[in-house]
Amino acid sequence: MKYKIWEDEQSQQQSASGMKAYSIDLRQKVIDAYNNREGSQRKLATRFSVSLTFIQKLLKRYRSKATIEPKAHAGGNTGKLSSEQMAIVVTLLEEDNDAILVELFSRLEERTGVLVSRATMGRITQKLKLTRKKNIARQ
């Protein structure tokens, strides 16, 4: 059974809120309109359907850095497990699909030396879209 460990690269480049950066084309249009004095910053924000703050930050970045490229994603918290360790979680569930989260994270610690909480293991299994099916005969 194969599981997708990581989503496509595009979804990794989105921020936690799921928002993408405005396109370079839009940014260039805003800069051109501002340089041609086609309106105040507020009017440009309304015209291009963006926030006034976006206009202000874009102009500041253009003046100071001479670029309109969006900033690189700052990162956020890194995942507790590497892709190899995530693959081990998949293997653990394939070996024993009846395992509860507490059993999973203790087995993961035995194999990798990495300790995660029950809640973290729950989020990992959700992220991997793994289901744990209980065996009625086991109880």
N, C-alpha and C. Protein backbone atom coordinates (compact mmCIF):
# COMPACT_ATOMS: atom_id res chain seq x y z
N MET A 1 0.85 -1.18 0.00
CA MET A 1 0.00 0.00 0.00
C MET A 1 0.89 1.24 0.00
N LYS A 2 0.69 2.13 -0.95
CA LYS A 2 1.50 3.35 -1.07
C LYS A 2 0.73 4.54 -0.53
N TYR A 3 1.42 5.41 0.20
CA TYR A 3 0.82 6.63 0.72
C TYR A 3 1.63 7.83 0.24
N LYS A 4 0.94 8.92 0.00
CA LYS A 4 1.63 10.15 -0.38
C LYS A 4 2.18 10.79 0.89
N ILE A 5 3.48 10.94 0.95
CA ILE A 5 4.07 11.53 2.14
C ILE A 5 4.00 13.04 2.09
N TRP A 6 4.29 13.62 0.97
CA TRP A 6 4.27 15.09 0.86
C TRP A 6 3.32 15.47 -0.27
N GLU A 7 2.60 16.55 -0.09
CA GLU A 7 1.74 17.09 -1.15
C GLU A 7 2.64 17.68 -2.22
N ASP A 8 2.06 18.14 -3.31
CA ASP A 8 2.87 18.72 -4.37
C ASP A 8 3.58 19.98 -3.89
N GLU A 9 4.64 20.36 -4.60
CA GLU A 9 5.49 21.48 -4.18
C GLU A 9 4.72 22.78 -4.08
N GLN A 10 3.74 22.96 -4.93
CA GLN A 10 2.98 24.21 -4.92
C GLN A 10 2.29 24.41 -3.58
N SER A 11 1.70 23.37 -3.02
CA SER A 11 1.01 23.53 -1.75
C SER A 11 2.01 23.77 -0.62
N GLN A 12 3.25 23.30 -0.76
CA GLN A 12 4.26 23.56 0.26
C GLN A 12 4.69 25.02 0.25
N GLN A 13 4.57 25.69 -0.91
CA GLN A 13 5.00 27.07 -1.01
C GLN A 13 3.94 28.04 -0.54
N GLN A 14 2.73 27.58 -0.28
CA GLN A 14 1.69 28.44 0.23
C GLN A 14 1.89 28.61 1.72
N SER A 15 1.43 29.73 2.22
CA SER A 15 1.53 29.97 3.65
C SER A 15 0.51 29.12 4.39
N ALA A 16 0.55 29.18 5.71
CA ALA A 16 -0.36 28.38 6.51
C ALA A 16 -1.82 28.73 6.22
N SER A 17 -2.11 29.95 5.84
CA SER A 17 -3.48 30.36 5.54
C SER A 17 -3.90 29.93 4.15
N GLY A 18 -3.00 29.38 3.35
CA GLY A 18 -3.34 28.93 2.02
C GLY A 18 -3.28 30.02 0.97
N MET A 19 -2.83 31.19 1.33
CA MET A 19 -2.77 32.31 0.40
C MET A 19 -1.49 32.24 -0.42
N LYS A 20 -1.62 32.62 -1.70
CA LYS A 20 -0.44 32.71 -2.56
C LYS A 20 -0.05 34.16 -2.71
N ALA A 21 1.19 34.40 -3.08
CA ALA A 21 1.65 35.77 -3.33
C ALA A 21 1.00 36.30 -4.59
N TYR A 22 0.80 37.62 -4.64
CA TYR A 22 0.26 38.24 -5.86
C TYR A 22 1.26 38.04 -7.00
N SER A 23 0.74 37.94 -8.21
CA SER A 23 1.57 37.68 -9.38
C SER A 23 2.49 38.86 -9.68
N ILE A 24 3.59 38.57 -10.36
CA ILE A 24 4.54 39.60 -10.78
C ILE A 24 3.84 40.58 -11.74
N ASP A 25 2.97 40.04 -12.57
CA ASP A 25 2.24 40.87 -13.53
C ASP A 25 1.41 41.93 -12.80
N LEU A 26 0.66 41.52 -11.79
CA LEU A 26 -0.13 42.47 -11.01
C LEU A 26 0.77 43.48 -10.31
N ARG A 27 1.84 43.00 -9.74
CA ARG A 27 2.78 43.89 -9.04
C ARG A 27 3.34 44.95 -10.00
N GLN A 28 3.69 44.53 -11.21
CA GLN A 28 4.24 45.46 -12.20
C GLN A 28 3.19 46.48 -12.61
N LYS A 29 1.95 46.06 -12.78
CA LYS A 29 0.88 46.99 -13.13
C LYS A 29 0.67 48.03 -12.04
N VAL A 30 0.75 47.63 -10.79
CA VAL A 30 0.60 48.56 -9.67
C VAL A 30 1.74 49.58 -9.69
N ILE A 31 2.96 49.10 -9.86
CA ILE A 31 4.13 49.99 -9.89
C ILE A 31 4.02 50.97 -11.06
N ASP A 32 3.67 50.48 -12.23
CA ASP A 32 3.52 51.34 -13.41
C ASP A 32 2.44 52.40 -13.19
N ALA A 33 1.31 51.99 -12.66
CA ALA A 33 0.23 52.94 -12.40
C ALA A 33 0.66 53.99 -11.39
N TYR A 34 1.38 53.58 -10.37
CA TYR A 34 1.85 54.54 -9.36
C TYR A 34 2.86 55.50 -9.98
N ASN A 35 3.81 54.98 -10.76
CA ASN A 35 4.82 55.84 -11.40
C ASN A 35 4.19 56.80 -12.41
N ASN A 36 3.08 56.41 -13.05
CA ASN A 36 2.39 57.27 -14.00
C ASN A 36 1.39 58.21 -13.31
N ARG A 37 1.40 58.18 -11.99
CA ARG A 37 0.53 59.03 -11.18
C ARG A 37 -0.94 58.88 -11.57
N GLU A 38 -1.36 57.63 -11.66
CA GLU A 38 -2.74 57.34 -12.06
C GLU A 38 -3.70 57.33 -10.88
N GLY A 39 -3.24 57.70 -9.73
CA GLY A 39 -4.10 57.76 -8.55
C GLY A 39 -3.30 57.63 -7.27
N SER A 40 -3.98 57.90 -6.18
CA SER A 40 -3.34 57.75 -4.88
C SER A 40 -3.17 56.26 -4.57
N GLN A 41 -2.47 55.99 -3.49
CA GLN A 41 -2.28 54.59 -3.10
C GLN A 41 -3.63 53.95 -2.79
N ARG A 42 -4.52 54.68 -2.13
CA ARG A 42 -5.85 54.14 -1.82
C ARG A 42 -6.63 53.82 -3.10
N LYS A 43 -6.59 54.73 -4.07
CA LYS A 43 -7.31 54.51 -5.31
C LYS A 43 -6.73 53.33 -6.10
N LEU A 44 -5.40 53.19 -6.06
CA LEU A 44 -4.77 52.04 -6.72
C LEU A 44 -5.18 50.74 -6.05
N ALA A 45 -5.25 50.77 -4.72
CA ALA A 45 -5.67 49.57 -3.99
C ALA A 45 -7.09 49.17 -4.40
N THR A 46 -7.96 50.15 -4.51
CA THR A 46 -9.33 49.86 -4.93
C THR A 46 -9.37 49.38 -6.38
N ARG A 47 -8.63 50.05 -7.24
CA ARG A 47 -8.61 49.71 -8.66
C ARG A 47 -8.13 48.28 -8.90
N PHE A 48 -7.09 47.87 -8.18
CA PHE A 48 -6.52 46.53 -8.40
C PHE A 48 -7.07 45.48 -7.43
N SER A 49 -8.04 45.88 -6.60
CA SER A 49 -8.68 44.96 -5.62
C SER A 49 -7.67 44.31 -4.68
N VAL A 50 -6.78 45.13 -4.16
CA VAL A 50 -5.81 44.67 -3.16
C VAL A 50 -5.91 45.61 -1.96
N SER A 51 -5.23 45.27 -0.89
CA SER A 51 -5.28 46.12 0.29
C SER A 51 -4.31 47.28 0.16
N LEU A 52 -4.62 48.33 0.90
CA LEU A 52 -3.72 49.49 0.94
C LEU A 52 -2.36 49.08 1.50
N THR A 53 -2.36 48.21 2.46
CA THR A 53 -1.10 47.73 3.05
C THR A 53 -0.24 47.04 2.00
N PHE A 54 -0.85 46.24 1.13
CA PHE A 54 -0.09 45.60 0.07
C PHE A 54 0.59 46.65 -0.82
N ILE A 55 -0.16 47.67 -1.20
CA ILE A 55 0.40 48.74 -2.04
C ILE A 55 1.57 49.41 -1.33
N GLN A 56 1.39 49.74 -0.06
CA GLN A 56 2.44 50.42 0.70
C GLN A 56 3.69 49.55 0.81
N LYS A 57 3.50 48.28 1.14
CA LYS A 57 4.66 47.38 1.28
C LYS A 57 5.35 47.14 -0.07
N LEU A 58 4.56 47.03 -1.14
CA LEU A 58 5.14 46.83 -2.47
C LEU A 58 5.98 48.04 -2.87
N LEU A 59 5.46 49.22 -2.66
CA LEU A 59 6.20 50.44 -3.01
C LEU A 59 7.47 50.58 -2.17
N LYS A 60 7.36 50.25 -0.89
CA LYS A 60 8.54 50.32 -0.02
C LYS A 60 9.61 49.33 -0.49
N ARG A 61 9.19 48.12 -0.83
CA ARG A 61 10.14 47.11 -1.32
C ARG A 61 10.75 47.54 -2.65
N TYR A 62 9.94 48.14 -3.52
CA TYR A 62 10.42 48.60 -4.82
C TYR A 62 11.45 49.72 -4.65
N ARG A 63 11.19 50.64 -3.73
CA ARG A 63 12.12 51.75 -3.50
C ARG A 63 13.42 51.30 -2.83
N SER A 64 13.30 50.44 -1.84
CA SER A 64 14.48 50.06 -1.06
C SER A 64 15.31 48.95 -1.71
N LYS A 65 14.67 47.97 -2.29
CA LYS A 65 15.38 46.82 -2.85
C LYS A 65 15.39 46.80 -4.37
N ALA A 66 14.63 47.69 -5.00
CA ALA A 66 14.51 47.76 -6.47
C ALA A 66 14.02 46.44 -7.06
N THR A 67 13.10 45.79 -6.34
CA THR A 67 12.51 44.55 -6.82
C THR A 67 11.03 44.52 -6.47
N ILE A 68 10.27 43.82 -7.27
CA ILE A 68 8.86 43.64 -6.97
C ILE A 68 8.55 42.16 -6.70
N GLU A 69 9.58 41.33 -6.69
CA GLU A 69 9.42 39.90 -6.42
C GLU A 69 8.88 39.72 -5.00
N PRO A 70 8.01 38.75 -4.80
CA PRO A 70 7.54 38.48 -3.44
C PRO A 70 8.69 37.92 -2.59
N LYS A 71 8.61 38.18 -1.31
CA LYS A 71 9.62 37.63 -0.41
C LYS A 71 9.47 36.11 -0.37
N ALA A 72 10.56 35.44 -0.11
CA ALA A 72 10.52 33.99 0.05
C ALA A 72 9.77 33.66 1.33
N HIS A 73 9.13 32.52 1.33
CA HIS A 73 8.41 32.09 2.52
C HIS A 73 9.38 31.97 3.68
N ALA A 74 9.03 32.57 4.80
CA ALA A 74 9.93 32.62 5.95
C ALA A 74 10.10 31.27 6.63
N GLY A 75 9.21 30.37 6.41
CA GLY A 75 9.42 29.03 6.95
C GLY A 75 8.34 28.57 7.89
N GLY A 76 8.38 29.03 9.11
CA GLY A 76 7.49 28.48 10.11
C GLY A 76 8.20 27.34 10.82
N ASN A 77 7.46 26.62 11.59
CA ASN A 77 8.05 25.49 12.32
C ASN A 77 8.34 24.35 11.36
N THR A 78 9.49 23.75 11.54
CA THR A 78 9.82 22.58 10.72
C THR A 78 9.14 21.35 11.31
N GLY A 79 8.90 20.39 10.47
CA GLY A 79 8.26 19.17 10.93
C GLY A 79 9.15 18.41 11.89
N LYS A 80 8.54 17.71 12.79
CA LYS A 80 9.30 16.95 13.78
C LYS A 80 9.98 15.74 13.13
N LEU A 81 9.35 15.20 12.07
CA LEU A 81 9.88 13.99 11.45
C LEU A 81 10.38 14.27 10.04
N SER A 82 11.45 13.59 9.66
CA SER A 82 11.95 13.68 8.30
C SER A 82 11.09 12.78 7.40
N SER A 83 11.31 12.86 6.11
CA SER A 83 10.51 12.02 5.19
C SER A 83 10.80 10.53 5.43
N GLU A 84 12.02 10.20 5.80
CA GLU A 84 12.35 8.79 6.09
C GLU A 84 11.57 8.31 7.32
N GLN A 85 11.48 9.18 8.33
CA GLN A 85 10.76 8.81 9.54
C GLN A 85 9.26 8.73 9.28
N MET A 86 8.76 9.59 8.36
CA MET A 86 7.35 9.52 7.99
C MET A 86 7.07 8.18 7.29
N ALA A 87 8.01 7.73 6.49
CA ALA A 87 7.86 6.44 5.82
C ALA A 87 7.82 5.31 6.85
N ILE A 88 8.55 5.46 7.93
CA ILE A 88 8.54 4.46 9.00
C ILE A 88 7.15 4.41 9.64
N VAL A 89 6.52 5.58 9.81
CA VAL A 89 5.15 5.61 10.36
C VAL A 89 4.22 4.81 9.46
N VAL A 90 4.34 5.00 8.15
CA VAL A 90 3.53 4.26 7.20
C VAL A 90 3.78 2.76 7.37
N THR A 91 5.04 2.38 7.50
CA THR A 91 5.39 0.97 7.68
C THR A 91 4.81 0.42 8.98
N LEU A 92 4.88 1.21 10.04
CA LEU A 92 4.33 0.77 11.33
C LEU A 92 2.83 0.49 11.21
N LEU A 93 2.13 1.35 10.51
CA LEU A 93 0.69 1.14 10.35
C LEU A 93 0.38 -0.03 9.43
N GLU A 94 1.23 -0.25 8.44
CA GLU A 94 1.02 -1.40 7.57
C GLU A 94 1.25 -2.70 8.33
N GLU A 95 2.21 -2.69 9.25
CA GLU A 95 2.51 -3.88 10.04
C GLU A 95 1.39 -4.19 11.03
N ASP A 96 0.82 -3.14 11.67
CA ASP A 96 -0.21 -3.33 12.67
C ASP A 96 -1.22 -2.20 12.56
N ASN A 97 -2.26 -2.45 11.78
CA ASN A 97 -3.26 -1.42 11.54
C ASN A 97 -4.16 -1.20 12.76
N ASP A 98 -4.10 -2.10 13.74
CA ASP A 98 -4.90 -1.96 14.95
C ASP A 98 -4.21 -1.10 16.01
N ALA A 99 -2.98 -0.70 15.77
CA ALA A 99 -2.21 0.04 16.78
C ALA A 99 -2.88 1.37 17.10
N ILE A 100 -2.94 1.69 18.39
CA ILE A 100 -3.45 3.00 18.78
C ILE A 100 -2.30 4.00 18.75
N LEU A 101 -2.63 5.28 18.83
CA LEU A 101 -1.60 6.32 18.69
C LEU A 101 -0.47 6.16 19.69
N VAL A 102 -0.81 5.80 20.93
CA VAL A 102 0.23 5.64 21.96
C VAL A 102 1.21 4.53 21.56
N GLU A 103 0.68 3.44 21.03
CA GLU A 103 1.54 2.35 20.57
C GLU A 103 2.40 2.80 19.39
N LEU A 104 1.79 3.56 18.48
CA LEU A 104 2.53 4.03 17.31
C LEU A 104 3.70 4.91 17.71
N PHE A 105 3.46 5.89 18.59
CA PHE A 105 4.58 6.78 18.89
C PHE A 105 5.64 6.11 19.74
N SER A 106 5.26 5.11 20.53
CA SER A 106 6.31 4.40 21.28
C SER A 106 7.14 3.51 20.35
N ARG A 107 6.49 2.89 19.36
CA ARG A 107 7.23 2.07 18.38
C ARG A 107 8.13 2.95 17.50
N LEU A 108 7.61 4.13 17.16
CA LEU A 108 8.43 5.06 16.39
C LEU A 108 9.67 5.47 17.18
N GLU A 109 9.50 5.71 18.47
CA GLU A 109 10.66 6.07 19.30
C GLU A 109 11.66 4.91 19.37
N GLU A 110 11.17 3.69 19.46
CA GLU A 110 12.06 2.52 19.50
C GLU A 110 12.89 2.43 18.22
N ARG A 111 12.27 2.69 17.08
CA ARG A 111 12.96 2.53 15.79
C ARG A 111 13.85 3.71 15.42
N THR A 112 13.41 4.93 15.79
CA THR A 112 14.14 6.12 15.31
C THR A 112 14.80 6.92 16.41
N GLY A 113 14.35 6.75 17.65
CA GLY A 113 14.89 7.56 18.73
C GLY A 113 14.22 8.93 18.84
N VAL A 114 13.22 9.18 18.01
CA VAL A 114 12.52 10.46 18.03
C VAL A 114 11.23 10.29 18.82
N LEU A 115 11.05 11.14 19.83
CA LEU A 115 9.87 11.08 20.68
C LEU A 115 8.88 12.14 20.22
N VAL A 116 7.67 11.70 19.92
CA VAL A 116 6.59 12.63 19.57
C VAL A 116 5.42 12.36 20.51
N SER A 117 4.56 13.33 20.64
CA SER A 117 3.40 13.18 21.52
C SER A 117 2.30 12.42 20.79
N ARG A 118 1.28 12.02 21.56
CA ARG A 118 0.13 11.34 20.96
C ARG A 118 -0.57 12.27 19.98
N ALA A 119 -0.68 13.55 20.34
CA ALA A 119 -1.34 14.52 19.46
C ALA A 119 -0.56 14.69 18.16
N THR A 120 0.77 14.75 18.25
CA THR A 120 1.59 14.87 17.05
C THR A 120 1.43 13.65 16.16
N MET A 121 1.38 12.47 16.77
CA MET A 121 1.19 11.26 15.98
C MET A 121 -0.17 11.29 15.29
N GLY A 122 -1.18 11.81 15.97
CA GLY A 122 -2.50 11.94 15.36
C GLY A 122 -2.47 12.87 14.16
N ARG A 123 -1.76 14.01 14.27
CA ARG A 123 -1.64 14.95 13.15
C ARG A 123 -0.87 14.33 12.00
N ILE A 124 0.15 13.53 12.33
CA ILE A 124 0.95 12.88 11.28
C ILE A 124 0.09 11.91 10.50
N THR A 125 -0.70 11.10 11.21
CA THR A 125 -1.55 10.13 10.51
C THR A 125 -2.61 10.85 9.68
N GLN A 126 -3.11 11.99 10.15
CA GLN A 126 -4.06 12.77 9.35
C GLN A 126 -3.38 13.34 8.11
N LYS A 127 -2.18 13.86 8.28
CA LYS A 127 -1.45 14.45 7.16
C LYS A 127 -1.16 13.41 6.09
N LEU A 128 -0.85 12.20 6.51
CA LEU A 128 -0.57 11.11 5.58
C LEU A 128 -1.85 10.45 5.07
N LYS A 129 -2.99 10.92 5.60
CA LYS A 129 -4.29 10.36 5.24
C LYS A 129 -4.35 8.86 5.52
N LEU A 130 -3.80 8.49 6.65
CA LEU A 130 -3.81 7.09 7.07
C LEU A 130 -4.99 6.86 7.99
N THR A 131 -5.60 5.71 7.87
CA THR A 131 -6.68 5.35 8.78
C THR A 131 -6.25 4.15 9.58
N ARG A 132 -6.70 4.14 10.81
CA ARG A 132 -6.42 2.99 11.66
C ARG A 132 -7.74 2.26 11.85
N LYS A 133 -7.82 1.01 11.39
CA LYS A 133 -9.06 0.25 11.50
C LYS A 133 -8.90 -0.76 12.61
N LYS A 134 -9.81 -0.68 13.52
CA LYS A 134 -9.75 -1.59 14.66
C LYS A 134 -10.25 -2.96 14.27
N ASN A 135 -9.57 -3.97 14.78
CA ASN A 135 -9.97 -5.35 14.57
C ASN A 135 -10.86 -5.74 15.74
N ILE A 136 -12.13 -6.01 15.48
CA ILE A 136 -13.09 -6.33 16.54
C ILE A 136 -12.64 -7.58 17.29
N ALA A 137 -12.05 -8.55 16.62
CA ALA A 137 -11.65 -9.81 17.25
C ALA A 137 -10.54 -9.57 18.27
N ARG A 138 -9.82 -8.48 18.17
CA ARG A 138 -8.68 -8.22 19.08
C ARG A 138 -9.18 -7.88 20.48
N GLN A 139 -10.33 -7.28 20.58
CA GLN A 139 -10.79 -6.78 21.89
C GLN A 139 -11.23 -7.86 22.81
